[in-house]
PDB file of N, CA and C in Angstrom:
ATOM      1  N   MET A   1       0.825  -1.198   0.000  1.00  0.00           N
ATOM      2  CA  MET A   1       0.000   0.000   0.000  1.00  0.00           C
ATOM      3  C   MET A   1       0.863   1.254   0.000  1.00  0.00           C
ATOM      4  N   LYS A   2       1.861   1.290   0.909  1.00  0.00           N
ATOM      5  CA  LYS A   2       2.735   2.463   0.978  1.00  0.00           C
ATOM      6  C   LYS A   2       3.551   2.607  -0.305  1.00  0.00           C
ATOM      7  N   LYS A   3       3.924   1.481  -0.889  1.00  0.00           N
ATOM      8  CA  LYS A   3       4.697   1.519  -2.129  1.00  0.00           C
ATOM      9  C   LYS A   3       3.856   2.123  -3.261  1.00  0.00           C
ATOM     10  N   GLY A   4       2.576   1.787  -3.309  1.00  0.00           N
ATOM     11  CA  GLY A   4       1.670   2.333  -4.321  1.00  0.00           C
ATOM     12  C   GLY A   4       1.498   3.834  -4.174  1.00  0.00           C
ATOM     13  N   ILE A   5       1.441   4.328  -2.948  1.00  0.00           N
ATOM     14  CA  ILE A   5       1.312   5.770  -2.692  1.00  0.00           C
ATOM     15  C   ILE A   5       2.578   6.494  -3.143  1.00  0.00           C
ATOM     16  N   LYS A   6       3.739   5.922  -2.846  1.00  0.00           N
ATOM     17  CA  LYS A   6       5.005   6.534  -3.265  1.00  0.00           C
ATOM     18  C   LYS A   6       5.078   6.632  -4.792  1.00  0.00           C
ATOM     19  N   ILE A   7       4.674   5.583  -5.475  1.00  0.00           N
ATOM     20  CA  ILE A   7       4.693   5.590  -6.941  1.00  0.00           C
ATOM     21  C   ILE A   7       3.737   6.646  -7.482  1.00  0.00           C
ATOM     22  N   ALA A   8       2.554   6.748  -6.888  1.00  0.00           N
ATOM     23  CA  ALA A   8       1.575   7.757  -7.318  1.00  0.00           C
ATOM     24  C   ALA A   8       2.120   9.164  -7.115  1.00  0.00           C
ATOM     25  N   ILE A   9       2.779   9.400  -5.988  1.00  0.00           N
ATOM     26  CA  ILE A   9       3.365  10.723  -5.708  1.00  0.00           C
ATOM     27  C   ILE A   9       4.456  11.038  -6.730  1.00  0.00           C
ATOM     28  N   ILE A  10       5.286  10.070  -7.040  1.00  0.00           N
ATOM     29  CA  ILE A  10       6.361  10.281  -8.022  1.00  0.00           C
ATOM     30  C   ILE A  10       5.767  10.600  -9.396  1.00  0.00           C
ATOM     31  N   ILE A  11       4.725   9.886  -9.789  1.00  0.00           N
ATOM     32  CA  ILE A  11       4.085  10.145 -11.086  1.00  0.00           C
ATOM     33  C   ILE A  11       3.505  11.551 -11.131  1.00  0.00           C
ATOM     34  N   VAL A  12       2.839  11.962 -10.059  1.00  0.00           N
ATOM     35  CA  VAL A  12       2.264  13.313  -9.998  1.00  0.00           C
ATOM     36  C   VAL A  12       3.365  14.362 -10.076  1.00  0.00           C
ATOM     37  N   LEU A  13       4.464  14.156  -9.353  1.00  0.00           N
ATOM     38  CA  LEU A  13       5.576  15.114  -9.391  1.00  0.00           C
ATOM     39  C   LEU A  13       6.170  15.223 -10.791  1.00  0.00           C
ATOM     40  N   VAL A  14       6.341  14.109 -11.468  1.00  0.00           N
ATOM     41  CA  VAL A  14       6.882  14.126 -12.832  1.00  0.00           C
ATOM     42  C   VAL A  14       5.943  14.900 -13.757  1.00  0.00           C
ATOM     43  N   LEU A  15       4.646  14.677 -13.625  1.00  0.00           N
ATOM     44  CA  LEU A  15       3.681  15.400 -14.459  1.00  0.00           C
ATOM     45  C   LEU A  15       3.689  16.898 -14.170  1.00  0.00           C
ATOM     46  N   VAL A  16       3.799  17.277 -12.908  1.00  0.00           N
ATOM     47  CA  VAL A  16       3.850  18.700 -12.542  1.00  0.00           C
ATOM     48  C   VAL A  16       5.110  19.348 -13.103  1.00  0.00           C
ATOM     49  N   ILE A  17       6.237  18.677 -12.989  1.00  0.00           N
ATOM     50  CA  ILE A  17       7.500  19.219 -13.512  1.00  0.00           C
ATOM     51  C   ILE A  17       7.433  19.343 -15.036  1.00  0.00           C
ATOM     52  N   ALA A  18       6.874  18.351 -15.712  1.00  0.00           N
ATOM     53  CA  ALA A  18       6.751  18.414 -17.174  1.00  0.00           C
ATOM     54  C   ALA A  18       5.841  19.563 -17.593  1.00  0.00           C
ATOM     55  N   ALA A  19       4.741  19.761 -16.891  1.00  0.00           N
ATOM     56  CA  ALA A  19       3.827  20.862 -17.215  1.00  0.00           C
ATOM     57  C   ALA A  19       4.500  22.207 -16.985  1.00  0.00           C
ATOM     58  N   ALA A  20       5.245  22.341 -15.898  1.00  0.00           N
ATOM     59  CA  ALA A  20       5.950  23.596 -15.611  1.00  0.00           C
ATOM     60  C   ALA A  20       7.007  23.876 -16.678  1.00  0.00           C
ATOM     61  N   ALA A  21       7.712  22.847 -17.109  1.00  0.00           N
ATOM     62  CA  ALA A  21       8.728  23.026 -18.151  1.00  0.00           C
ATOM     63  C   ALA A  21       8.086  23.472 -19.460  1.00  0.00           C
ATOM     64  N   PHE A  22       6.950  22.890 -19.817  1.00  0.00           N
ATOM     65  CA  PHE A  22       6.251  23.285 -21.035  1.00  0.00           C
ATOM     66  C   PHE A  22       5.792  24.736 -20.954  1.00  0.00           C
ATOM     67  N   LEU A  23       5.220  25.134 -19.833  1.00  0.00           N
ATOM     68  CA  LEU A  23       4.751  26.518 -19.677  1.00  0.00           C
ATOM     69  C   LEU A  23       5.909  27.507 -19.730  1.00  0.00           C
ATOM     70  N   ALA A  24       7.032  27.161 -19.112  1.00  0.00           N
ATOM     71  CA  ALA A  24       8.208  28.038 -19.165  1.00  0.00           C
ATOM     72  C   ALA A  24       8.715  28.153 -20.598  1.00  0.00           C
ATOM     73  N   TYR A  25       8.769  27.036 -21.318  1.00  0.00           N
ATOM     74  CA  TYR A  25       9.197  27.056 -22.722  1.00  0.00           C
ATOM     75  C   TYR A  25       8.271  27.943 -23.538  1.00  0.00           C
ATOM     76  N   ARG A  26       6.982  27.759 -23.364  1.00  0.00           N
ATOM     77  CA  ARG A  26       6.010  28.550 -24.134  1.00  0.00           C
ATOM     78  C   ARG A  26       6.158  30.034 -23.839  1.00  0.00           C
ATOM     79  N   HIS A  27       6.341  30.384 -22.570  1.00  0.00           N
ATOM     80  CA  HIS A  27       6.433  31.797 -22.202  1.00  0.00           C
ATOM     81  C   HIS A  27       7.728  32.434 -22.703  1.00  0.00           C
ATOM     82  N   PHE A  28       8.858  31.793 -22.454  1.00  0.00           N
ATOM     83  CA  PHE A  28      10.144  32.409 -22.768  1.00  0.00           C
ATOM     84  C   PHE A  28      10.548  32.269 -24.231  1.00  0.00           C
ATOM     85  N   TYR A  29      10.169  31.202 -24.886  1.00  0.00           N
ATOM     86  CA  TYR A  29      10.609  30.992 -26.253  1.00  0.00           C
ATOM     87  C   TYR A  29       9.540  31.276 -27.298  1.00  0.00           C
ATOM     88  N   LEU A  30       8.290  31.113 -26.973  1.00  0.00           N
ATOM     89  CA  LEU A  30       7.228  31.413 -27.916  1.00  0.00           C
ATOM     90  C   LEU A  30       6.503  32.696 -27.558  1.00  0.00           C
ATOM     91  N   GLY A  31       6.734  33.216 -26.371  1.00  0.00           N
ATOM     92  CA  GLY A  31       5.989  34.373 -25.896  1.00  0.00           C
ATOM     93  C   GLY A  31       4.677  33.895 -25.308  1.00  0.00           C
ATOM     94  N   SER A  32       4.042  34.746 -24.559  1.00  0.00           N
ATOM     95  CA  SER A  32       2.814  34.323 -23.893  1.00  0.00           C
ATOM     96  C   SER A  32       1.710  34.018 -24.901  1.00  0.00           C
ATOM     97  N   THR A  33       1.728  34.664 -26.064  1.00  0.00           N
ATOM     98  CA  THR A  33       0.693  34.418 -27.063  1.00  0.00           C
ATOM     99  C   THR A  33       1.155  33.441 -28.130  1.00  0.00           C
ATOM    100  N   GLY A  34       2.473  33.338 -28.341  1.00  0.00           N
ATOM    101  CA  GLY A  34       2.986  32.473 -29.389  1.00  0.00           C
ATOM    102  C   GLY A  34       2.859  33.072 -30.772  1.00  0.00           C
ATOM    103  N   LYS A  35       2.435  34.337 -30.883  1.00  0.00           N
ATOM    104  CA  LYS A  35       2.263  34.985 -32.182  1.00  0.00           C
ATOM    105  C   LYS A  35       3.521  35.773 -32.537  1.00  0.00           C
ATOM    106  N   TYR A  36       3.942  35.672 -33.793  1.00  0.00           N
ATOM    107  CA  TYR A  36       5.141  36.363 -34.254  1.00  0.00           C
ATOM    108  C   TYR A  36       4.789  37.736 -34.820  1.00  0.00           C
ATOM    109  N   ILE A  37       5.754  38.655 -34.749  1.00  0.00           N
ATOM    110  CA  ILE A  37       5.529  40.024 -35.234  1.00  0.00           C
ATOM    111  C   ILE A  37       5.472  40.084 -36.755  1.00  0.00           C
ATOM    112  N   GLY A  38       6.089  39.134 -37.428  1.00  0.00           N
ATOM    113  CA  GLY A  38       6.092  39.091 -38.891  1.00  0.00           C
ATOM    114  C   GLY A  38       7.382  39.654 -39.472  1.00  0.00           C
ATOM    115  N   ALA A  39       7.725  39.176 -40.656  1.00  0.00           N
ATOM    116  CA  ALA A  39       8.966  39.575 -41.322  1.00  0.00           C
ATOM    117  C   ALA A  39       8.982  41.063 -41.644  1.00  0.00           C
ATOM    118  N   GLU A  40       7.840  41.604 -42.044  1.00  0.00           N
ATOM    119  CA  GLU A  40       7.762  43.029 -42.396  1.00  0.00           C
ATOM    120  C   GLU A  40       8.083  43.910 -41.188  1.00  0.00           C
ATOM    121  N   ALA A  41       7.522  43.572 -40.025  1.00  0.00           N
ATOM    122  CA  ALA A  41       7.785  44.352 -38.810  1.00  0.00           C
ATOM    123  C   ALA A  41       9.242  44.219 -38.385  1.00  0.00           C
ATOM    124  N   ALA A  42       9.805  43.022 -38.498  1.00  0.00           N
ATOM    125  CA  ALA A  42      11.214  42.821 -38.142  1.00  0.00           C
ATOM    126  C   ALA A  42      12.118  43.668 -39.026  1.00  0.00           C
ATOM    127  N   LYS A  43      11.812  43.697 -40.302  1.00  0.00           N
ATOM    128  CA  LYS A  43      12.578  44.499 -41.263  1.00  0.00           C
ATOM    129  C   LYS A  43      12.507  45.977 -40.887  1.00  0.00           C
ATOM    130  N   GLU A  44      11.320  46.469 -40.570  1.00  0.00           N
ATOM    131  CA  GLU A  44      11.146  47.882 -40.212  1.00  0.00           C
ATOM    132  C   GLU A  44      11.887  48.236 -38.927  1.00  0.00           C
ATOM    133  N   ILE A  45      11.923  47.320 -37.968  1.00  0.00           N
ATOM    134  CA  ILE A  45      12.666  47.553 -36.719  1.00  0.00           C
ATOM    135  C   ILE A  45      14.146  47.729 -37.025  1.00  0.00           C
ATOM    136  N   ALA A  46      14.699  46.856 -37.870  1.00  0.00           N
ATOM    137  CA  ALA A  46      16.120  46.949 -38.229  1.00  0.00           C
ATOM    138  C   ALA A  46      16.410  48.243 -38.978  1.00  0.00           C
ATOM    139  N   PHE A  47      15.554  48.599 -39.935  1.00  0.00           N
ATOM    140  CA  PHE A  47      15.761  49.830 -40.707  1.00  0.00           C
ATOM    141  C   PHE A  47      15.697  51.059 -39.803  1.00  0.00           C
ATOM    142  N   LYS A  48      14.734  51.087 -38.900  1.00  0.00           N
ATOM    143  CA  LYS A  48      14.591  52.230 -37.990  1.00  0.00           C
ATOM    144  C   LYS A  48      15.825  52.354 -37.100  1.00  0.00           C
ATOM    145  N   GLN A  49      16.298  51.231 -36.567  1.00  0.00           N
ATOM    146  CA  GLN A  49      17.490  51.242 -35.705  1.00  0.00           C
ATOM    147  C   GLN A  49      18.704  51.758 -36.483  1.00  0.00           C
ATOM    148  N   GLN A  50      18.804  51.384 -37.753  1.00  0.00           N
ATOM    149  CA  GLN A  50      19.946  51.785 -38.569  1.00  0.00           C
ATOM    150  C   GLN A  50      19.759  53.174 -39.166  1.00  0.00           C
ATOM    151  N   GLY A  51      18.533  53.685 -39.136  1.00  0.00           N
ATOM    152  CA  GLY A  51      18.265  55.018 -39.676  1.00  0.00           C
ATOM    153  C   GLY A  51      18.243  55.057 -41.192  1.00  0.00           C
ATOM    154  N   VAL A  52      17.716  53.990 -41.802  1.00  0.00           N
ATOM    155  CA  VAL A  52      17.649  53.919 -43.266  1.00  0.00           C
ATOM    156  C   VAL A  52      16.221  53.602 -43.707  1.00  0.00           C
ATOM    157  N   THR A  53      15.965  53.836 -44.985  1.00  0.00           N
ATOM    158  CA  THR A  53      14.685  53.452 -45.576  1.00  0.00           C
ATOM    159  C   THR A  53      14.915  52.258 -46.493  1.00  0.00           C
ATOM    160  N   GLU A  54      13.846  51.594 -46.851  1.00  0.00           N
ATOM    161  CA  GLU A  54      13.978  50.431 -47.726  1.00  0.00           C
ATOM    162  C   GLU A  54      14.548  50.816 -49.089  1.00  0.00           C
ATOM    163  N   ALA A  55      14.301  52.044 -49.525  1.00  0.00           N
ATOM    164  CA  ALA A  55      14.825  52.511 -50.813  1.00  0.00           C
ATOM    165  C   ALA A  55      16.353  52.565 -50.817  1.00  0.00           C
ATOM    166  N   GLU A  56      16.973  52.735 -49.651  1.00  0.00           N
ATOM    167  CA  GLU A  56      18.437  52.815 -49.549  1.00  0.00           C
ATOM    168  C   GLU A  56      19.099  51.442 -49.434  1.00  0.00           C
ATOM    169  N   VAL A  57      18.314  50.404 -49.237  1.00  0.00           N
ATOM    170  CA  VAL A  57      18.824  49.068 -48.907  1.00  0.00           C
ATOM    171  C   VAL A  57      18.973  48.203 -50.156  1.00  0.00           C
ATOM    172  N   ARG A  58      20.044  47.378 -50.176  1.00  0.00           N
ATOM    173  CA  ARG A  58      20.254  46.372 -51.218  1.00  0.00           C
ATOM    174  C   ARG A  58      20.372  44.996 -50.557  1.00  0.00           C
ATOM    175  N   ASP A  59      20.179  43.981 -51.358  1.00  0.00           N
ATOM    176  CA  ASP A  59      20.389  42.584 -50.928  1.00  0.00           C
ATOM    177  C   ASP A  59      19.722  42.272 -49.587  1.00  0.00           C
ATOM    178  N   LEU A  60      18.447  42.528 -49.502  1.00  0.00           N
ATOM    179  CA  LEU A  60      17.688  42.289 -48.276  1.00  0.00           C
ATOM    180  C   LEU A  60      17.269  40.826 -48.176  1.00  0.00           C
ATOM    181  N   HIS A  61      17.519  40.226 -47.010  1.00  0.00           N
ATOM    182  CA  HIS A  61      17.088  38.857 -46.716  1.00  0.00           C
ATOM    183  C   HIS A  61      16.507  38.838 -45.308  1.00  0.00           C
ATOM    184  N   VAL A  62      15.309  38.264 -45.156  1.00  0.00           N
ATOM    185  CA  VAL A  62      14.680  38.114 -43.842  1.00  0.00           C
ATOM    186  C   VAL A  62      14.283  36.650 -43.684  1.00  0.00           C
ATOM    187  N   ASP A  63      14.796  36.011 -42.637  1.00  0.00           N
ATOM    188  CA  ASP A  63      14.506  34.599 -42.380  1.00  0.00           C
ATOM    189  C   ASP A  63      14.067  34.412 -40.938  1.00  0.00           C
ATOM    190  N   LEU A  64      13.119  33.519 -40.715  1.00  0.00           N
ATOM    191  CA  LEU A  64      12.684  33.154 -39.372  1.00  0.00           C
ATOM    192  C   LEU A  64      13.548  32.001 -38.898  1.00  0.00           C
ATOM    193  N   GLU A  65      14.222  32.189 -37.773  1.00  0.00           N
ATOM    194  CA  GLU A  65      15.122  31.172 -37.222  1.00  0.00           C
ATOM    195  C   GLU A  65      14.518  30.623 -35.933  1.00  0.00           C
ATOM    196  N   LYS A  66      14.280  29.310 -35.904  1.00  0.00           N
ATOM    197  CA  LYS A  66      13.704  28.667 -34.718  1.00  0.00           C
ATOM    198  C   LYS A  66      14.763  27.811 -34.047  1.00  0.00           C
ATOM    199  N   SER A  67      14.736  27.800 -32.712  1.00  0.00           N
ATOM    200  CA  SER A  67      15.701  27.044 -31.939  1.00  0.00           C
ATOM    201  C   SER A  67      15.054  26.606 -30.631  1.00  0.00           C
ATOM    202  N   LEU A  68      15.473  25.473 -30.121  1.00  0.00           N
ATOM    203  CA  LEU A  68      14.974  25.028 -28.823  1.00  0.00           C
ATOM    204  C   LEU A  68      15.765  25.634 -27.678  1.00  0.00           C
ATOM    205  N   ILE A  69      16.960  26.159 -27.959  1.00  0.00           N
ATOM    206  CA  ILE A  69      17.791  26.672 -26.873  1.00  0.00           C
ATOM    207  C   ILE A  69      17.806  28.188 -26.762  1.00  0.00           C
ATOM    208  N   LYS A  70      17.243  28.888 -27.725  1.00  0.00           N
ATOM    209  CA  LYS A  70      17.131  30.339 -27.613  1.00  0.00           C
ATOM    210  C   LYS A  70      15.848  30.798 -28.286  1.00  0.00           C
ATOM    211  N   PRO A  71      15.410  32.013 -27.990  1.00  0.00           N
ATOM    212  CA  PRO A  71      14.130  32.474 -28.544  1.00  0.00           C
ATOM    213  C   PRO A  71      14.119  32.472 -30.075  1.00  0.00           C
ATOM    214  N   THR A  72      12.955  32.240 -30.647  1.00  0.00           N
ATOM    215  CA  THR A  72      12.783  32.329 -32.093  1.00  0.00           C
ATOM    216  C   THR A  72      13.007  33.777 -32.512  1.00  0.00           C
ATOM    217  N   TYR A  73      13.743  33.973 -33.596  1.00  0.00           N
ATOM    218  CA  TYR A  73      14.056  35.339 -34.023  1.00  0.00           C
ATOM    219  C   TYR A  73      14.049  35.445 -35.540  1.00  0.00           C
ATOM    220  N   TYR A  74      13.915  36.689 -35.986  1.00  0.00           N
ATOM    221  CA  TYR A  74      14.068  36.991 -37.407  1.00  0.00           C
ATOM    222  C   TYR A  74      15.504  37.438 -37.628  1.00  0.00           C
ATOM    223  N   GLU A  75      16.143  36.875 -38.642  1.00  0.00           N
ATOM    224  CA  GLU A  75      17.463  37.330 -39.054  1.00  0.00           C
ATOM    225  C   GLU A  75      17.243  38.245 -40.250  1.00  0.00           C
ATOM    226  N   VAL A  76      17.619  39.508 -40.084  1.00  0.00           N
ATOM    227  CA  VAL A  76      17.438  40.515 -41.134  1.00  0.00           C
ATOM    228  C   VAL A  76      18.826  40.923 -41.608  1.00  0.00           C
ATOM    229  N   GLU A  77      19.130  40.651 -42.869  1.00  0.00           N
ATOM    230  CA  GLU A  77      20.430  40.992 -43.450  1.00  0.00           C
ATOM    231  C   GLU A  77      20.208  41.948 -44.613  1.00  0.00           C
ATOM    232  N   PHE A  78      21.053  42.987 -44.673  1.00  0.00           N
ATOM    233  CA  PHE A  78      20.942  43.938 -45.782  1.00  0.00           C
ATOM    234  C   PHE A  78      22.235  44.725 -45.914  1.00  0.00           C
ATOM    235  N   GLU A  79      22.359  45.416 -47.049  1.00  0.00           N
ATOM    236  CA  GLU A  79      23.520  46.263 -47.317  1.00  0.00           C
ATOM    237  C   GLU A  79      23.050  47.685 -47.569  1.00  0.00           C
ATOM    238  N   VAL A  80      23.842  48.633 -47.072  1.00  0.00           N
ATOM    239  CA  VAL A  80      23.622  50.061 -47.325  1.00  0.00           C
ATOM    240  C   VAL A  80      24.998  50.663 -47.585  1.00  0.00           C
ATOM    241  N   GLY A  81      25.147  51.319 -48.734  1.00  0.00           N
ATOM    242  CA  GLY A  81      26.459  51.875 -49.070  1.00  0.00           C
ATOM    243  C   GLY A  81      27.479  50.758 -49.140  1.00  0.00           C
ATOM    244  N   ASN A  82      28.594  50.931 -48.422  1.00  0.00           N
ATOM    245  CA  ASN A  82      29.634  49.901 -48.418  1.00  0.00           C
ATOM    246  C   ASN A  82      29.602  49.061 -47.135  1.00  0.00           C
ATOM    247  N   MET A  83      28.453  49.032 -46.452  1.00  0.00           N
ATOM    248  CA  MET A  83      28.323  48.291 -45.196  1.00  0.00           C
ATOM    249  C   MET A  83      27.292  47.169 -45.320  1.00  0.00           C
ATOM    250  N   GLU A  84      27.582  46.055 -44.628  1.00  0.00           N
ATOM    251  CA  GLU A  84      26.646  44.938 -44.511  1.00  0.00           C
ATOM    252  C   GLU A  84      26.156  44.889 -43.068  1.00  0.00           C
ATOM    253  N   TYR A  85      24.858  44.671 -42.879  1.00  0.00           N
ATOM    254  CA  TYR A  85      24.266  44.627 -41.542  1.00  0.00           C
ATOM    255  C   TYR A  85      23.518  43.316 -41.355  1.00  0.00           C
ATOM    256  N   GLU A  86      23.582  42.806 -40.136  1.00  0.00           N
ATOM    257  CA  GLU A  86      22.839  41.604 -39.777  1.00  0.00           C
ATOM    258  C   GLU A  86      22.203  41.834 -38.410  1.00  0.00           C
ATOM    259  N   TYR A  87      20.883  41.719 -38.363  1.00  0.00           N
ATOM    260  CA  TYR A  87      20.128  41.902 -37.120  1.00  0.00           C
ATOM    261  C   TYR A  87      19.459  40.597 -36.743  1.00  0.00           C
ATOM    262  N   GLN A  88      19.396  40.327 -35.439  1.00  0.00           N
ATOM    263  CA  GLN A  88      18.567  39.255 -34.909  1.00  0.00           C
ATOM    264  C   GLN A  88      17.497  39.931 -34.060  1.00  0.00           C
ATOM    265  N   ILE A  89      16.232  39.722 -34.424  1.00  0.00           N
ATOM    266  CA  ILE A  89      15.118  40.399 -33.769  1.00  0.00           C
ATOM    267  C   ILE A  89      14.149  39.349 -33.236  1.00  0.00           C
ATOM    268  N   ASN A  90      13.869  39.418 -31.932  1.00  0.00           N
ATOM    269  CA  ASN A  90      12.959  38.474 -31.291  1.00  0.00           C
ATOM    270  C   ASN A  90      11.645  38.438 -32.064  1.00  0.00           C
ATOM    271  N   ALA A  91      11.221  37.251 -32.453  1.00  0.00           N
ATOM    272  CA  ALA A  91      10.048  37.095 -33.317  1.00  0.00           C
ATOM    273  C   ALA A  91       8.729  37.380 -32.606  1.00  0.00           C
ATOM    274  N   VAL A  92       8.741  37.411 -31.276  1.00  0.00           N
ATOM    275  CA  VAL A  92       7.517  37.671 -30.522  1.00  0.00           C
ATOM    276  C   VAL A  92       7.476  39.101 -30.013  1.00  0.00           C
ATOM    277  N   THR A  93       8.584  39.560 -29.413  1.00  0.00           N
ATOM    278  CA  THR A  93       8.595  40.873 -28.757  1.00  0.00           C
ATOM    279  C   THR A  93       9.074  42.000 -29.652  1.00  0.00           C
ATOM    280  N   GLY A  94       9.849  41.687 -30.687  1.00  0.00           N
ATOM    281  CA  GLY A  94      10.432  42.723 -31.536  1.00  0.00           C
ATOM    282  C   GLY A  94      11.711  43.311 -30.968  1.00  0.00           C
ATOM    283  N   GLN A  95      12.180  42.778 -29.854  1.00  0.00           N
ATOM    284  CA  GLN A  95      13.422  43.263 -29.242  1.00  0.00           C
ATOM    285  C   GLN A  95      14.618  42.880 -30.116  1.00  0.00           C
ATOM    286  N   ILE A  96      15.541  43.829 -30.279  1.00  0.00           N
ATOM    287  CA  ILE A  96      16.773  43.553 -31.025  1.00  0.00           C
ATOM    288  C   ILE A  96      17.689  42.732 -30.129  1.00  0.00           C
ATOM    289  N   LEU A  97      18.039  41.531 -30.574  1.00  0.00           N
ATOM    290  CA  LEU A  97      18.870  40.628 -29.788  1.00  0.00           C
ATOM    291  C   LEU A  97      20.351  40.786 -30.109  1.00  0.00           C
ATOM    292  N   LYS A  98      20.659  41.075 -31.384  1.00  0.00           N
ATOM    293  CA  LYS A  98      22.062  41.156 -31.801  1.00  0.00           C
ATOM    294  C   LYS A  98      22.152  41.997 -33.063  1.00  0.00           C
ATOM    295  N   VAL A  99      23.220  42.776 -33.148  1.00  0.00           N
ATOM    296  CA  VAL A  99      23.496  43.567 -34.352  1.00  0.00           C
ATOM    297  C   VAL A  99      24.946  43.319 -34.733  1.00  0.00           C
ATOM    298  N   LYS A 100      25.167  43.057 -36.012  1.00  0.00           N
ATOM    299  CA  LYS A 100      26.526  42.857 -36.516  1.00  0.00           C
ATOM    300  C   LYS A 100      26.663  43.684 -37.786  1.00  0.00           C
ATOM    301  N   SER A 101      27.785  44.372 -37.924  1.00  0.00           N
ATOM    302  CA  SER A 101      28.021  45.139 -39.149  1.00  0.00           C
ATOM    303  C   SER A 101      29.477  44.993 -39.566  1.00  0.00           C
ATOM    304  N   GLU A 102      29.686  45.052 -40.867  1.00  0.00           N
ATOM    305  CA  GLU A 102      31.054  45.002 -41.392  1.00  0.00           C
ATOM    306  C   GLU A 102      31.077  45.647 -42.765  1.00  0.00           C
ATOM    307  N   LYS A 103      32.271  46.070 -43.161  1.00  0.00           N
ATOM    308  CA  LYS A 103      32.421  46.674 -44.486  1.00  0.00           C
ATOM    309  C   LYS A 103      32.253  45.614 -45.557  1.00  0.00           C
ATOM    310  N   ASP A 104      31.536  45.983 -46.603  1.00  0.00           N
ATOM    311  CA  ASP A 104      31.314  45.104 -47.746  1.00  0.00           C
ATOM    312  C   ASP A 104      32.592  45.069 -48.569  1.00  0.00           C
ATOM    313  N   MET A 105      33.146  43.891 -48.788  1.00  0.00           N
ATOM    314  CA  MET A 105      34.410  43.757 -49.518  1.00  0.00           C
ATOM    315  C   MET A 105      34.203  43.559 -51.017  1.00  0.00           C
ATOM    316  N   ASP A 106      32.959  43.506 -51.491  1.00  0.00           N
ATOM    317  CA  ASP A 106      32.694  43.306 -52.927  1.00  0.00           C
ATOM    318  C   ASP A 106      32.925  44.560 -53.719  1.00  0.00           C
TER     319      ASP A 106
END
């Protein structure tokens, strides 16, 4: 009888821990709603941060990058003048996660 109660308690604890892990994953990696801002909004965030318009930009690429170990983000890559820019923008919040720039060698 006592052994059966211990097993039941262990099963309940495992289920509670699994549910908590899922909720934490959903909140931190998918956002509370799980809805993405969209590629267009991510592009506009990067352009605004850089102080450029789409008319000034060349070689624009926007990709949605999903990962289990970090938040889903949009990778926005573009060139302006002789510079190349790469932005990582949180797909749920729109927060800029990373910015990289370098001179275009072409």
